[in-house]
Amino acid sequence: MSSEAVQPYQRIVQDVRDKIRSGRLTAGTKLPSTRELADEYGIAAGTVQRALTELRNAGLIYSHQGRGSFVTETAGETVEDSTARALKALEDQVRDLSARLERIEKERNG
């Protein structure tokens, strides 16, 4: 896709994603202000807000009114990290359910 076909807000989204993946932006890092990003990309503040909304919806950033936007703790996780975390949670649930079932069977069988 040529850069002309990319919407201005999408450039910001992609740039932030790339910076997170490369480790240039890490968990807790504060992003530049809306005004700073608008100036940097030569776009309107509303367009920056759209990009920030996309990044929030993707779980890459969170925002505090009056303080700014920050990279989330899980933003830098790869798909493999996320999958491993989900599998671990499922294993824990199965272990817990197995223990509960064993207790119930022992109570029934006296």
C-alpha atoms as a PDB file:
ATOM      1  CA  MET A   1       0.000   0.000   0.000  1.00  0.00           C
ATOM      2  CA  SER A   2       1.450   3.364  -0.961  1.00  0.00           C
ATOM      3  CA  SER A   3       1.766   6.011   1.721  1.00  0.00           C
ATOM      4  CA  GLU A   4      -0.686   8.211  -0.231  1.00  0.00           C
ATOM      5  CA  ALA A   5      -3.409   5.578   0.293  1.00  0.00           C
ATOM      6  CA  VAL A   6      -2.911   5.559   4.066  1.00  0.00           C
ATOM      7  CA  GLN A   7      -5.176   7.893   6.014  1.00  0.00           C
ATOM      8  CA  PRO A   8      -3.309  10.387   8.230  1.00  0.00           C
ATOM      9  CA  TYR A   9      -4.631   8.861  11.454  1.00  0.00           C
ATOM     10  CA  GLN A  10      -3.512   5.413  10.244  1.00  0.00           C
ATOM     11  CA  ARG A  11       0.064   6.685   9.884  1.00  0.00           C
ATOM     12  CA  ILE A  12       0.109   7.591  13.577  1.00  0.00           C
ATOM     13  CA  VAL A  13      -1.435   4.246  14.565  1.00  0.00           C
ATOM     14  CA  GLN A  14       1.124   2.344  12.478  1.00  0.00           C
ATOM     15  CA  ASP A  15       4.040   4.440  13.728  1.00  0.00           C
ATOM     16  CA  VAL A  16       3.077   3.876  17.370  1.00  0.00           C
ATOM     17  CA  ARG A  17       2.598   0.131  16.744  1.00  0.00           C
ATOM     18  CA  ASP A  18       6.017  -0.046  15.095  1.00  0.00           C
ATOM     19  CA  LYS A  19       7.666   1.826  17.960  1.00  0.00           C
ATOM     20  CA  ILE A  20       6.086  -0.525  20.499  1.00  0.00           C
ATOM     21  CA  ARG A  21       7.136  -3.629  18.544  1.00  0.00           C
ATOM     22  CA  SER A  22      10.692  -2.350  18.207  1.00  0.00           C
ATOM     23  CA  GLY A  23      10.916  -1.484  21.898  1.00  0.00           C
ATOM     24  CA  ARG A  24      11.300   2.259  21.327  1.00  0.00           C
ATOM     25  CA  LEU A  25       8.045   2.731  23.262  1.00  0.00           C
ATOM     26  CA  THR A  26       7.702   0.583  26.375  1.00  0.00           C
ATOM     27  CA  ALA A  27       4.998   0.048  28.989  1.00  0.00           C
ATOM     28  CA  GLY A  28       4.168   3.256  30.823  1.00  0.00           C
ATOM     29  CA  THR A  29       5.827   5.527  28.270  1.00  0.00           C
ATOM     30  CA  LYS A  30       3.907   8.779  27.812  1.00  0.00           C
ATOM     31  CA  LEU A  31       3.032   9.629  24.219  1.00  0.00           C
ATOM     32  CA  PRO A  32       3.473  13.176  22.921  1.00  0.00           C
ATOM     33  CA  SER A  33       0.459  15.439  23.464  1.00  0.00           C
ATOM     34  CA  THR A  34      -2.285  15.756  20.875  1.00  0.00           C
ATOM     35  CA  ARG A  35      -0.910  19.148  19.863  1.00  0.00           C
ATOM     36  CA  GLU A  36       2.642  17.795  19.558  1.00  0.00           C
ATOM     37  CA  LEU A  37       1.474  14.871  17.408  1.00  0.00           C
ATOM     38  CA  ALA A  38      -0.655  17.194  15.261  1.00  0.00           C
ATOM     39  CA  ASP A  39       2.381  19.412  14.678  1.00  0.00           C
ATOM     40  CA  GLU A  40       4.701  16.456  14.036  1.00  0.00           C
ATOM     41  CA  TYR A  41       2.379  14.905  11.428  1.00  0.00           C
ATOM     42  CA  GLY A  42       1.009  18.168  10.058  1.00  0.00           C
ATOM     43  CA  ILE A  43      -2.585  17.179  10.748  1.00  0.00           C
ATOM     44  CA  ALA A  44      -5.575  18.422  12.742  1.00  0.00           C
ATOM     45  CA  ALA A  45      -5.977  17.617  16.440  1.00  0.00           C
ATOM     46  CA  GLY A  46      -9.203  15.730  15.654  1.00  0.00           C
ATOM     47  CA  THR A  47      -7.277  13.398  13.379  1.00  0.00           C
ATOM     48  CA  VAL A  48      -4.810  12.726  16.208  1.00  0.00           C
ATOM     49  CA  GLN A  49      -7.751  12.000  18.514  1.00  0.00           C
ATOM     50  CA  ARG A  50      -9.032   9.438  16.017  1.00  0.00           C
ATOM     51  CA  ALA A  51      -5.620   7.734  16.018  1.00  0.00           C
ATOM     52  CA  LEU A  52      -5.525   7.712  19.819  1.00  0.00           C
ATOM     53  CA  THR A  53      -9.012   6.187  19.897  1.00  0.00           C
ATOM     54  CA  GLU A  54      -7.847   3.426  17.528  1.00  0.00           C
ATOM     55  CA  LEU A  55      -4.794   2.767  19.714  1.00  0.00           C
ATOM     56  CA  ARG A  56      -6.961   2.647  22.864  1.00  0.00           C
ATOM     57  CA  ASN A  57      -9.433   0.273  21.192  1.00  0.00           C
ATOM     58  CA  ALA A  58      -6.520  -1.974  20.202  1.00  0.00           C
ATOM     59  CA  GLY A  59      -5.374  -2.059  23.843  1.00  0.00           C
ATOM     60  CA  LEU A  60      -2.042  -0.420  23.050  1.00  0.00           C
ATOM     61  CA  ILE A  61      -2.524   2.771  25.055  1.00  0.00           C
ATOM     62  CA  TYR A  62      -4.636   4.178  27.865  1.00  0.00           C
ATOM     63  CA  SER A  63      -5.397   7.816  28.558  1.00  0.00           C
ATOM     64  CA  HIS A  64      -5.866   9.931  31.670  1.00  0.00           C
ATOM     65  CA  GLN A  65      -7.665  13.204  31.125  1.00  0.00           C
ATOM     66  CA  GLY A  66      -5.294  16.051  31.790  1.00  0.00           C
ATOM     67  CA  ARG A  67      -2.255  13.756  32.052  1.00  0.00           C
ATOM     68  CA  GLY A  68      -1.947  12.261  28.585  1.00  0.00           C
ATOM     69  CA  SER A  69      -1.788   8.891  26.873  1.00  0.00           C
ATOM     70  CA  PHE A  70       0.504   6.056  27.903  1.00  0.00           C
ATOM     71  CA  VAL A  71       1.587   2.685  26.502  1.00  0.00           C
ATOM     72  CA  THR A  72      -0.214  -0.206  28.225  1.00  0.00           C
ATOM     73  CA  GLU A  73       1.591  -2.977  30.102  1.00  0.00           C
ATOM     74  CA  THR A  74       0.574  -5.579  27.518  1.00  0.00           C
ATOM     75  CA  ALA A  75       1.159  -3.480  24.391  1.00  0.00           C
ATOM     76  CA  GLY A  76       4.563  -4.996  23.672  1.00  0.00           C
ATOM     77  CA  GLU A  77       3.412  -8.586  23.994  1.00  0.00           C
ATOM     78  CA  THR A  78       3.674 -10.687  20.902  1.00  0.00           C
ATOM     79  CA  VAL A  79       0.815 -12.931  19.834  1.00  0.00           C
ATOM     80  CA  GLU A  80       2.831 -15.827  21.258  1.00  0.00           C
ATOM     81  CA  ASP A  81       3.126 -14.079  24.658  1.00  0.00           C
ATOM     82  CA  SER A  82      -0.600 -13.409  24.700  1.00  0.00           C
ATOM     83  CA  THR A  83      -1.420 -16.991  23.714  1.00  0.00           C
ATOM     84  CA  ALA A  84       0.933 -18.412  26.348  1.00  0.00           C
ATOM     85  CA  ARG A  85      -0.689 -16.207  29.009  1.00  0.00           C
ATOM     86  CA  ALA A  86      -4.172 -17.359  27.937  1.00  0.00           C
ATOM     87  CA  LEU A  87      -3.100 -21.020  28.013  1.00  0.00           C
ATOM     88  CA  LYS A  88      -1.622 -20.607  31.491  1.00  0.00           C
ATOM     89  CA  ALA A  89      -4.901 -19.097  32.716  1.00  0.00           C
ATOM     90  CA  LEU A  90      -6.836 -22.024  31.232  1.00  0.00           C
ATOM     91  CA  GLU A  91      -4.472 -24.533  32.838  1.00  0.00           C
ATOM     92  CA  ASP A  92      -5.013 -22.837  36.201  1.00  0.00           C
ATOM     93  CA  GLN A  93      -8.797 -23.006  35.751  1.00  0.00           C
ATOM     94  CA  VAL A  94      -8.678 -26.705  34.837  1.00  0.00           C
ATOM     95  CA  ARG A  95      -6.475 -27.430  37.867  1.00  0.00           C
ATOM     96  CA  ASP A  96      -8.918 -25.548  40.130  1.00  0.00           C
ATOM     97  CA  LEU A  97     -11.976 -27.301  38.664  1.00  0.00           C
ATOM     98  CA  SER A  98     -10.281 -30.700  39.011  1.00  0.00           C
ATOM     99  CA  ALA A  99      -9.554 -30.023  42.673  1.00  0.00           C
ATOM    100  CA  ARG A 100     -13.166 -28.939  43.263  1.00  0.00           C
ATOM    101  CA  LEU A 101     -14.507 -32.033  41.510  1.00  0.00           C
ATOM    102  CA  GLU A 102     -12.238 -34.267  43.582  1.00  0.00           C
ATOM    103  CA  ARG A 103     -13.517 -32.626  46.802  1.00  0.00           C
ATOM    104  CA  ILE A 104     -17.144 -33.081  45.734  1.00  0.00           C
ATOM    105  CA  GLU A 105     -16.581 -36.737  44.885  1.00  0.00           C
ATOM    106  CA  LYS A 106     -14.914 -37.353  48.245  1.00  0.00           C
ATOM    107  CA  GLU A 107     -17.858 -35.703  50.078  1.00  0.00           C
ATOM    108  CA  ARG A 108     -20.378 -37.825  48.140  1.00  0.00           C
ATOM    109  CA  ASN A 109     -18.500 -41.063  48.692  1.00  0.00           C
ATOM    110  CA  GLY A 110     -17.984 -40.317  52.349  1.00  0.00           C
END
